[in-house]
Amino acid sequence: MSRSLKKGPYINTRLVNKVKNLKPGDKTVIKVWDRAATITPEMVGFTFGVHNGKTHVPVYVVENMVGHRLGEFSPTKKFISHGGKMAKAQAGNKK
């Protein structure tokens, strides 16, 4: 569900302050645990290390991402594959 329009988007002020202190084009990765923070126009051009529960996934913010959440670009689950021995045998036959 989206946040109420009356309340406005959730923006982490500490995160915005970190971005303001950096110079444009700075390549440092800003580590973020706050996956629910909304991406603002000030964040464009910076790289964030968004925590996925295990590691920090580097996310380079571009203009199309404004308005989305940071967590949308850092998947928390890793899909391996379905099946077992039979699926492995079929994959081996294709190669």
PDB file of N, CA and C in Angstrom:
ATOM      1  N   MET A   1       0.841  -1.188   0.000  1.00  0.00           N
ATOM      2  CA  MET A   1       0.000   0.000   0.000  1.00  0.00           C
ATOM      3  C   MET A   1       0.880   1.242   0.000  1.00  0.00           C
ATOM      4  N   SER A   2       0.387   2.256  -0.662  1.00  0.00           N
ATOM      5  CA  SER A   2       1.146   3.493  -0.706  1.00  0.00           C
ATOM      6  C   SER A   2       0.866   4.327   0.544  1.00  0.00           C
ATOM      7  N   ARG A   3       1.737   5.261   0.778  1.00  0.00           N
ATOM      8  CA  ARG A   3       1.602   6.140   1.932  1.00  0.00           C
ATOM      9  C   ARG A   3       0.557   7.203   1.632  1.00  0.00           C
ATOM     10  N   SER A   4      -0.089   7.716   2.684  1.00  0.00           N
ATOM     11  CA  SER A   4      -1.129   8.720   2.541  1.00  0.00           C
ATOM     12  C   SER A   4      -0.577   9.986   1.879  1.00  0.00           C
ATOM     13  N   LEU A   5      -1.324  10.565   0.966  1.00  0.00           N
ATOM     14  CA  LEU A   5      -0.900  11.802   0.313  1.00  0.00           C
ATOM     15  C   LEU A   5      -0.823  12.948   1.324  1.00  0.00           C
ATOM     16  N   LYS A   6      -1.651  12.874   2.343  1.00  0.00           N
ATOM     17  CA  LYS A   6      -1.645  13.895   3.384  1.00  0.00           C
ATOM     18  C   LYS A   6      -0.308  13.914   4.124  1.00  0.00           C
ATOM     19  N   LYS A   7       0.258  12.736   4.361  1.00  0.00           N
ATOM     20  CA  LYS A   7       1.525  12.638   5.085  1.00  0.00           C
ATOM     21  C   LYS A   7       2.722  12.953   4.192  1.00  0.00           C
ATOM     22  N   GLY A   8       2.626  12.666   2.918  1.00  0.00           N
ATOM     23  CA  GLY A   8       3.749  12.873   2.018  1.00  0.00           C
ATOM     24  C   GLY A   8       4.667  11.668   2.013  1.00  0.00           C
ATOM     25  N   PRO A   9       5.695  11.672   1.151  1.00  0.00           N
ATOM     26  CA  PRO A   9       6.595  10.520   1.059  1.00  0.00           C
ATOM     27  C   PRO A   9       7.509  10.423   2.272  1.00  0.00           C
ATOM     28  N   TYR A  10       7.921   9.195   2.601  1.00  0.00           N
ATOM     29  CA  TYR A  10       8.849   8.989   3.710  1.00  0.00           C
ATOM     30  C   TYR A  10      10.264   9.236   3.207  1.00  0.00           C
ATOM     31  N   ILE A  11      10.900  10.246   3.754  1.00  0.00           N
ATOM     32  CA  ILE A  11      12.265  10.591   3.378  1.00  0.00           C
ATOM     33  C   ILE A  11      13.104  10.614   4.644  1.00  0.00           C
ATOM     34  N   ASN A  12      14.190   9.865   4.643  1.00  0.00           N
ATOM     35  CA  ASN A  12      15.092   9.805   5.790  1.00  0.00           C
ATOM     36  C   ASN A  12      15.973  11.059   5.778  1.00  0.00           C
ATOM     37  N   THR A  13      15.829  11.917   6.778  1.00  0.00           N
ATOM     38  CA  THR A  13      16.562  13.189   6.804  1.00  0.00           C
ATOM     39  C   THR A  13      18.066  12.976   6.970  1.00  0.00           C
ATOM     40  N   ARG A  14      18.463  11.954   7.734  1.00  0.00           N
ATOM     41  CA  ARG A  14      19.900  11.678   7.893  1.00  0.00           C
ATOM     42  C   ARG A  14      20.521  11.280   6.561  1.00  0.00           C
ATOM     43  N   LEU A  15      19.779  10.548   5.765  1.00  0.00           N
ATOM     44  CA  LEU A  15      20.260  10.132   4.455  1.00  0.00           C
ATOM     45  C   LEU A  15      20.402  11.335   3.517  1.00  0.00           C
ATOM     46  N   VAL A  16      19.436  12.247   3.557  1.00  0.00           N
ATOM     47  CA  VAL A  16      19.492  13.446   2.729  1.00  0.00           C
ATOM     48  C   VAL A  16      20.683  14.315   3.134  1.00  0.00           C
ATOM     49  N   ASN A  17      20.955  14.405   4.429  1.00  0.00           N
ATOM     50  CA  ASN A  17      22.102  15.188   4.895  1.00  0.00           C
ATOM     51  C   ASN A  17      23.418  14.576   4.418  1.00  0.00           C
ATOM     52  N   LYS A  18      23.518  13.244   4.411  1.00  0.00           N
ATOM     53  CA  LYS A  18      24.724  12.586   3.912  1.00  0.00           C
ATOM     54  C   LYS A  18      24.935  12.905   2.438  1.00  0.00           C
ATOM     55  N   VAL A  19      23.848  12.935   1.669  1.00  0.00           N
ATOM     56  CA  VAL A  19      23.947  13.215   0.239  1.00  0.00           C
ATOM     57  C   VAL A  19      24.366  14.668   0.012  1.00  0.00           C
ATOM     58  N   LYS A  20      23.831  15.581   0.810  1.00  0.00           N
ATOM     59  CA  LYS A  20      24.167  17.000   0.652  1.00  0.00           C
ATOM     60  C   LYS A  20      25.636  17.267   0.970  1.00  0.00           C
ATOM     61  N   ASN A  21      26.229  16.492   1.877  1.00  0.00           N
ATOM     62  CA  ASN A  21      27.628  16.690   2.246  1.00  0.00           C
ATOM     63  C   ASN A  21      28.591  16.161   1.193  1.00  0.00           C
ATOM     64  N   LEU A  22      28.122  15.303   0.289  1.00  0.00           N
ATOM     65  CA  LEU A  22      28.978  14.772  -0.765  1.00  0.00           C
ATOM     66  C   LEU A  22      29.015  15.719  -1.959  1.00  0.00           C
ATOM     67  N   LYS A  23      30.118  15.683  -2.676  1.00  0.00           N
ATOM     68  CA  LYS A  23      30.253  16.484  -3.890  1.00  0.00           C
ATOM     69  C   LYS A  23      29.589  15.748  -5.054  1.00  0.00           C
ATOM     70  N   PRO A  24      29.058  16.473  -6.043  1.00  0.00           N
ATOM     71  CA  PRO A  24      28.457  15.805  -7.206  1.00  0.00           C
ATOM     72  C   PRO A  24      29.487  14.945  -7.934  1.00  0.00           C
ATOM     73  N   GLY A  25      29.083  13.756  -8.319  1.00  0.00           N
ATOM     74  CA  GLY A  25      29.970  12.838  -9.014  1.00  0.00           C
ATOM     75  C   GLY A  25      30.880  12.047  -8.094  1.00  0.00           C
ATOM     76  N   ASP A  26      30.676  12.153  -6.783  1.00  0.00           N
ATOM     77  CA  ASP A  26      31.491  11.403  -5.823  1.00  0.00           C
ATOM     78  C   ASP A  26      31.157   9.919  -5.939  1.00  0.00           C
ATOM     79  N   LYS A  27      32.172   9.067  -5.955  1.00  0.00           N
ATOM     80  CA  LYS A  27      31.984   7.635  -6.178  1.00  0.00           C
ATOM     81  C   LYS A  27      31.846   6.820  -4.898  1.00  0.00           C
ATOM     82  N   THR A  28      31.816   7.466  -3.731  1.00  0.00           N
ATOM     83  CA  THR A  28      31.704   6.706  -2.491  1.00  0.00           C
ATOM     84  C   THR A  28      30.320   6.069  -2.384  1.00  0.00           C
ATOM     85  N   VAL A  29      30.289   4.894  -1.794  1.00  0.00           N
ATOM     86  CA  VAL A  29      29.035   4.168  -1.611  1.00  0.00           C
ATOM     87  C   VAL A  29      28.482   4.510  -0.234  1.00  0.00           C
ATOM     88  N   ILE A  30      27.245   4.986  -0.197  1.00  0.00           N
ATOM     89  CA  ILE A  30      26.579   5.335   1.058  1.00  0.00           C
ATOM     90  C   ILE A  30      25.807   4.106   1.521  1.00  0.00           C
ATOM     91  N   LYS A  31      26.190   3.540   2.669  1.00  0.00           N
ATOM     92  CA  LYS A  31      25.509   2.349   3.174  1.00  0.00           C
ATOM     93  C   LYS A  31      24.165   2.748   3.787  1.00  0.00           C
ATOM     94  N   VAL A  32      23.128   1.995   3.405  1.00  0.00           N
ATOM     95  CA  VAL A  32      21.760   2.303   3.827  1.00  0.00           C
ATOM     96  C   VAL A  32      21.084   1.026   4.299  1.00  0.00           C
ATOM     97  N   TRP A  33      20.479   1.087   5.465  1.00  0.00           N
ATOM     98  CA  TRP A  33      19.660  -0.021   5.964  1.00  0.00           C
ATOM     99  C   TRP A  33      18.178   0.301   5.805  1.00  0.00           C
ATOM    100  N   ASP A  34      17.871   1.541   5.521  1.00  0.00           N
ATOM    101  CA  ASP A  34      16.490   2.017   5.427  1.00  0.00           C
ATOM    102  C   ASP A  34      15.954   1.782   4.018  1.00  0.00           C
ATOM    103  N   ARG A  35      15.380   0.610   3.801  1.00  0.00           N
ATOM    104  CA  ARG A  35      14.887   0.233   2.482  1.00  0.00           C
ATOM    105  C   ARG A  35      13.599   0.961   2.112  1.00  0.00           C
ATOM    106  N   ALA A  36      12.892   1.501   3.109  1.00  0.00           N
ATOM    107  CA  ALA A  36      11.610   2.149   2.863  1.00  0.00           C
ATOM    108  C   ALA A  36      11.751   3.617   2.485  1.00  0.00           C
ATOM    109  N   ALA A  37      12.966   4.149   2.500  1.00  0.00           N
ATOM    110  CA  ALA A  37      13.168   5.562   2.178  1.00  0.00           C
ATOM    111  C   ALA A  37      12.897   5.818   0.700  1.00  0.00           C
ATOM    112  N   THR A  38      12.169   6.895   0.420  1.00  0.00           N
ATOM    113  CA  THR A  38      11.841   7.263  -0.947  1.00  0.00           C
ATOM    114  C   THR A  38      13.031   7.971  -1.589  1.00  0.00           C
ATOM    115  N   ILE A  39      13.276   7.680  -2.850  1.00  0.00           N
ATOM    116  CA  ILE A  39      14.375   8.314  -3.587  1.00  0.00           C
ATOM    117  C   ILE A  39      13.938   9.705  -4.016  1.00  0.00           C
ATOM    118  N   THR A  40      14.742  10.700  -3.685  1.00  0.00           N
ATOM    119  CA  THR A  40      14.457  12.095  -4.026  1.00  0.00           C
ATOM    120  C   THR A  40      15.365  12.543  -5.163  1.00  0.00           C
ATOM    121  N   PRO A  41      15.062  13.662  -5.826  1.00  0.00           N
ATOM    122  CA  PRO A  41      15.911  14.147  -6.923  1.00  0.00           C
ATOM    123  C   PRO A  41      17.344  14.477  -6.489  1.00  0.00           C
ATOM    124  N   GLU A  42      17.568  14.795  -5.214  1.00  0.00           N
ATOM    125  CA  GLU A  42      18.916  15.095  -4.734  1.00  0.00           C
ATOM    126  C   GLU A  42      19.813  13.857  -4.753  1.00  0.00           C
ATOM    127  N   MET A  43      19.225  12.666  -4.734  1.00  0.00           N
ATOM    128  CA  MET A  43      19.980  11.422  -4.666  1.00  0.00           C
ATOM    129  C   MET A  43      20.465  10.940  -6.037  1.00  0.00           C
ATOM    130  N   VAL A  44      20.024  11.577  -7.110  1.00  0.00           N
ATOM    131  CA  VAL A  44      20.377  11.137  -8.455  1.00  0.00           C
ATOM    132  C   VAL A  44      21.876  11.326  -8.678  1.00  0.00           C
ATOM    133  N   GLY A  45      22.515  10.278  -9.191  1.00  0.00           N
ATOM    134  CA  GLY A  45      23.936  10.333  -9.500  1.00  0.00           C
ATOM    135  C   GLY A  45      24.827   9.769  -8.415  1.00  0.00           C
ATOM    136  N   PHE A  46      24.258   9.311  -7.319  1.00  0.00           N
ATOM    137  CA  PHE A  46      25.042   8.737  -6.233  1.00  0.00           C
ATOM    138  C   PHE A  46      24.777   7.229  -6.155  1.00  0.00           C
ATOM    139  N   THR A  47      25.722   6.517  -5.536  1.00  0.00           N
ATOM    140  CA  THR A  47      25.588   5.073  -5.355  1.00  0.00           C
ATOM    141  C   THR A  47      25.287   4.777  -3.895  1.00  0.00           C
ATOM    142  N   PHE A  48      24.256   3.979  -3.668  1.00  0.00           N
ATOM    143  CA  PHE A  48      23.855   3.592  -2.325  1.00  0.00           C
ATOM    144  C   PHE A  48      24.059   2.092  -2.171  1.00  0.00           C
ATOM    145  N   GLY A  49      24.562   1.682  -1.022  1.00  0.00           N
ATOM    146  CA  GLY A  49      24.665   0.271  -0.684  1.00  0.00           C
ATOM    147  C   GLY A  49      23.442  -0.104   0.120  1.00  0.00           C
ATOM    148  N   VAL A  50      22.424  -0.644  -0.532  1.00  0.00           N
ATOM    149  CA  VAL A  50      21.151  -0.956   0.116  1.00  0.00           C
ATOM    150  C   VAL A  50      21.236  -2.360   0.704  1.00  0.00           C
ATOM    151  N   HIS A  51      20.945  -2.477   1.991  1.00  0.00           N
ATOM    152  CA  HIS A  51      21.053  -3.748   2.690  1.00  0.00           C
ATOM    153  C   HIS A  51      19.903  -4.663   2.296  1.00  0.00           C
ATOM    154  N   ASN A  52      20.236  -5.912   1.954  1.00  0.00           N
ATOM    155  CA  ASN A  52      19.197  -6.861   1.564  1.00  0.00           C
ATOM    156  C   ASN A  52      18.963  -7.923   2.633  1.00  0.00           C
ATOM    157  N   GLY A  53      19.510  -7.721   3.816  1.00  0.00           N
ATOM    158  CA  GLY A  53      19.384  -8.681   4.901  1.00  0.00           C
ATOM    159  C   GLY A  53      20.661  -9.438   5.133  1.00  0.00           C
ATOM    160  N   LYS A  54      21.553  -9.437   4.161  1.00  0.00           N
ATOM    161  CA  LYS A  54      22.821 -10.148   4.274  1.00  0.00           C
ATOM    162  C   LYS A  54      23.999  -9.252   3.887  1.00  0.00           C
ATOM    163  N   THR A  55      23.896  -8.610   2.747  1.00  0.00           N
ATOM    164  CA  THR A  55      24.966  -7.744   2.259  1.00  0.00           C
ATOM    165  C   THR A  55      24.385  -6.419   1.778  1.00  0.00           C
ATOM    166  N   HIS A  56      25.267  -5.502   1.433  1.00  0.00           N
ATOM    167  CA  HIS A  56      24.849  -4.230   0.857  1.00  0.00           C
ATOM    168  C   HIS A  56      24.986  -4.320  -0.656  1.00  0.00           C
ATOM    169  N   VAL A  57      23.859  -4.202  -1.355  1.00  0.00           N
ATOM    170  CA  VAL A  57      23.844  -4.284  -2.810  1.00  0.00           C
ATOM    171  C   VAL A  57      24.022  -2.873  -3.363  1.00  0.00           C
ATOM    172  N   PRO A  58      25.042  -2.637  -4.214  1.00  0.00           N
ATOM    173  CA  PRO A  58      25.233  -1.285  -4.753  1.00  0.00           C
ATOM    174  C   PRO A  58      24.134  -0.925  -5.747  1.00  0.00           C
ATOM    175  N   VAL A  59      23.509   0.231  -5.522  1.00  0.00           N
ATOM    176  CA  VAL A  59      22.440   0.722  -6.389  1.00  0.00           C
ATOM    177  C   VAL A  59      22.813   2.128  -6.842  1.00  0.00           C
ATOM    178  N   TYR A  60      23.035   2.308  -8.148  1.00  0.00           N
ATOM    179  CA  TYR A  60      23.326   3.620  -8.703  1.00  0.00           C
ATOM    180  C   TYR A  60      21.990   4.264  -9.061  1.00  0.00           C
ATOM    181  N   VAL A  61      21.702   5.424  -8.497  1.00  0.00           N
ATOM    182  CA  VAL A  61      20.406   6.074  -8.665  1.00  0.00           C
ATOM    183  C   VAL A  61      20.420   6.919  -9.934  1.00  0.00           C
ATOM    184  N   VAL A  62      19.440   6.671 -10.803  1.00  0.00           N
ATOM    185  CA  VAL A  62      19.255   7.456 -12.020  1.00  0.00           C
ATOM    186  C   VAL A  62      17.917   8.180 -11.932  1.00  0.00           C
ATOM    187  N   GLU A  63      17.653   9.026 -12.904  1.00  0.00           N
ATOM    188  CA  GLU A  63      16.487   9.904 -12.860  1.00  0.00           C
ATOM    189  C   GLU A  63      15.161   9.142 -12.838  1.00  0.00           C
ATOM    190  N   ASN A  64      15.095   7.993 -13.482  1.00  0.00           N
ATOM    191  CA  ASN A  64      13.839   7.226 -13.543  1.00  0.00           C
ATOM    192  C   ASN A  64      13.449   6.629 -12.195  1.00  0.00           C
ATOM    193  N   MET A  65      14.380   6.552 -11.251  1.00  0.00           N
ATOM    194  CA  MET A  65      14.117   5.928  -9.953  1.00  0.00           C
ATOM    195  C   MET A  65      13.473   6.874  -8.950  1.00  0.00           C
ATOM    196  N   VAL A  66      13.404   8.164  -9.264  1.00  0.00           N
ATOM    197  CA  VAL A  66      12.854   9.141  -8.324  1.00  0.00           C
ATOM    198  C   VAL A  66      11.396   8.802  -8.029  1.00  0.00           C
ATOM    199  N   GLY A  67      11.057   8.765  -6.749  1.00  0.00           N
ATOM    200  CA  GLY A  67       9.703   8.422  -6.320  1.00  0.00           C
ATOM    201  C   GLY A  67       9.562   6.972  -5.894  1.00  0.00           C
ATOM    202  N   HIS A  68      10.506   6.133  -6.254  1.00  0.00           N
ATOM    203  CA  HIS A  68      10.481   4.730  -5.841  1.00  0.00           C
ATOM    204  C   HIS A  68      11.180   4.589  -4.492  1.00  0.00           C
ATOM    205  N   ARG A  69      11.125   3.397  -3.929  1.00  0.00           N
ATOM    206  CA  ARG A  69      11.800   3.108  -2.663  1.00  0.00           C
ATOM    207  C   ARG A  69      13.165   2.491  -2.940  1.00  0.00           C
ATOM    208  N   LEU A  70      14.102   2.686  -2.032  1.00  0.00           N
ATOM    209  CA  LEU A  70      15.435   2.113  -2.205  1.00  0.00           C
ATOM    210  C   LEU A  70      15.396   0.589  -2.227  1.00  0.00           C
ATOM    211  N   GLY A  71      14.524   0.001  -1.429  1.00  0.00           N
ATOM    212  CA  GLY A  71      14.449  -1.453  -1.331  1.00  0.00           C
ATOM    213  C   GLY A  71      13.976  -2.143  -2.592  1.00  0.00           C
ATOM    214  N   GLU A  72      13.352  -1.404  -3.513  1.00  0.00           N
ATOM    215  CA  GLU A  72      12.862  -2.017  -4.741  1.00  0.00           C
ATOM    216  C   GLU A  72      13.995  -2.478  -5.641  1.00  0.00           C
ATOM    217  N   PHE A  73      15.175  -1.915  -5.461  1.00  0.00           N
ATOM    218  CA  PHE A  73      16.292  -2.198  -6.345  1.00  0.00           C
ATOM    219  C   PHE A  73      17.325  -3.113  -5.707  1.00  0.00           C
ATOM    220  N   SER A  74      16.993  -3.683  -4.568  1.00  0.00           N
ATOM    221  CA  SER A  74      17.880  -4.608  -3.871  1.00  0.00           C
ATOM    222  C   SER A  74      17.077  -5.842  -3.474  1.00  0.00           C
ATOM    223  N   PRO A  75      17.065  -6.882  -4.317  1.00  0.00           N
ATOM    224  CA  PRO A  75      16.247  -8.064  -4.015  1.00  0.00           C
ATOM    225  C   PRO A  75      16.733  -8.786  -2.764  1.00  0.00           C
ATOM    226  N   THR A  76      15.772  -9.257  -1.979  1.00  0.00           N
ATOM    227  CA  THR A  76      16.096  -9.917  -0.714  1.00  0.00           C
ATOM    228  C   THR A  76      16.148 -11.429  -0.841  1.00  0.00           C
ATOM    229  N   LYS A  77      15.582 -11.966  -1.899  1.00  0.00           N
ATOM    230  CA  LYS A  77      15.559 -13.415  -2.068  1.00  0.00           C
ATOM    231  C   LYS A  77      16.299 -13.794  -3.329  1.00  0.00           C
ATOM    232  N   LYS A  78      17.015 -14.911  -3.270  1.00  0.00           N
ATOM    233  CA  LYS A  78      17.800 -15.386  -4.409  1.00  0.00           C
ATOM    234  C   LYS A  78      17.157 -16.656  -4.931  1.00  0.00           C
ATOM    235  N   PHE A  79      16.683 -16.612  -6.167  1.00  0.00           N
ATOM    236  CA  PHE A  79      16.068 -17.790  -6.781  1.00  0.00           C
ATOM    237  C   PHE A  79      17.163 -18.684  -7.322  1.00  0.00           C
ATOM    238  N   ILE A  80      17.174 -19.933  -6.911  1.00  0.00           N
ATOM    239  CA  ILE A  80      18.184 -20.871  -7.387  1.00  0.00           C
ATOM    240  C   ILE A  80      17.613 -21.656  -8.561  1.00  0.00           C
ATOM    241  N   SER A  81      16.713 -22.567  -8.342  1.00  0.00           N
ATOM    242  CA  SER A  81      16.018 -23.258  -9.427  1.00  0.00           C
ATOM    243  C   SER A  81      15.029 -24.238  -8.841  1.00  0.00           C
ATOM    244  N   HIS A  82      14.083 -24.652  -9.682  1.00  0.00           N
ATOM    245  CA  HIS A  82      13.139 -25.688  -9.293  1.00  0.00           C
ATOM    246  C   HIS A  82      13.676 -27.031  -9.745  1.00  0.00           C
ATOM    247  N   GLY A  83      13.084 -28.070  -9.211  1.00  0.00           N
ATOM    248  CA  GLY A  83      13.462 -29.405  -9.632  1.00  0.00           C
ATOM    249  C   GLY A  83      14.579 -29.957  -8.772  1.00  0.00           C
ATOM    250  N   GLY A  84      15.161 -31.014  -9.221  1.00  0.00           N
ATOM    251  CA  GLY A  84      16.240 -31.648  -8.482  1.00  0.00           C
ATOM    252  C   GLY A  84      17.174 -32.324  -9.466  1.00  0.00           C
ATOM    253  N   LYS A  85      17.304 -33.630  -9.323  1.00  0.00           N
ATOM    254  CA  LYS A  85      18.186 -34.382 -10.214  1.00  0.00           C
ATOM    255  C   LYS A  85      17.693 -34.339 -11.655  1.00  0.00           C
ATOM    256  N   MET A  86      16.371 -34.393 -11.821  1.00  0.00           N
ATOM    257  CA  MET A  86      15.803 -34.403 -13.165  1.00  0.00           C
ATOM    258  C   MET A  86      16.064 -33.068 -13.881  1.00  0.00           C
ATOM    259  N   ALA A  87      15.912 -31.950 -13.186  1.00  0.00           N
ATOM    260  CA  ALA A  87      16.154 -30.636 -13.784  1.00  0.00           C
ATOM    261  C   ALA A  87      17.637 -30.453 -14.122  1.00  0.00           C
ATOM    262  N   LYS A  88      18.512 -30.966 -13.286  1.00  0.00           N
ATOM    263  CA  LYS A  88      19.954 -30.883 -13.555  1.00  0.00           C
ATOM    264  C   LYS A  88      20.319 -31.711 -14.781  1.00  0.00           C
ATOM    265  N   ALA A  89      19.691 -32.873 -14.920  1.00  0.00           N
ATOM    266  CA  ALA A  89      19.967 -33.738 -16.079  1.00  0.00           C
ATOM    267  C   ALA A  89      19.504 -33.068 -17.367  1.00  0.00           C
ATOM    268  N   GLN A  90      18.355 -32.416 -17.339  1.00  0.00           N
ATOM    269  CA  GLN A  90      17.846 -31.732 -18.515  1.00  0.00           C
ATOM    270  C   GLN A  90      18.721 -30.524 -18.865  1.00  0.00           C
ATOM    271  N   ALA A  91      19.208 -29.828 -17.865  1.00  0.00           N
ATOM    272  CA  ALA A  91      20.092 -28.685 -18.111  1.00  0.00           C
ATOM    273  C   ALA A  91      21.423 -29.155 -18.697  1.00  0.00           C
ATOM    274  N   GLY A  92      21.900 -30.307 -18.246  1.00  0.00           N
ATOM    275  CA  GLY A  92      23.135 -30.873 -18.776  1.00  0.00           C
ATOM    276  C   GLY A  92      22.992 -31.323 -20.224  1.00  0.00           C
ATOM    277  N   ASN A  93      21.796 -31.803 -20.591  1.00  0.00           N
ATOM    278  CA  ASN A  93      21.558 -32.249 -21.958  1.00  0.00           C
ATOM    279  C   ASN A  93      21.516 -31.073 -22.928  1.00  0.00           C
ATOM    280  N   LYS A  94      21.040 -29.915 -22.458  1.00  0.00           N
ATOM    281  CA  LYS A  94      20.940 -28.727 -23.325  1.00  0.00           C
ATOM    282  C   LYS A  94      22.325 -28.203 -23.686  1.00  0.00           C
ATOM    283  N   LYS A  95      23.262 -28.331 -22.758  1.00  0.00           N
ATOM    284  CA  LYS A  95      24.620 -27.822 -23.008  1.00  0.00           C
ATOM    285  C   LYS A  95      25.327 -28.785 -23.903  1.00  0.00           C
TER     286      LYS A  95
END
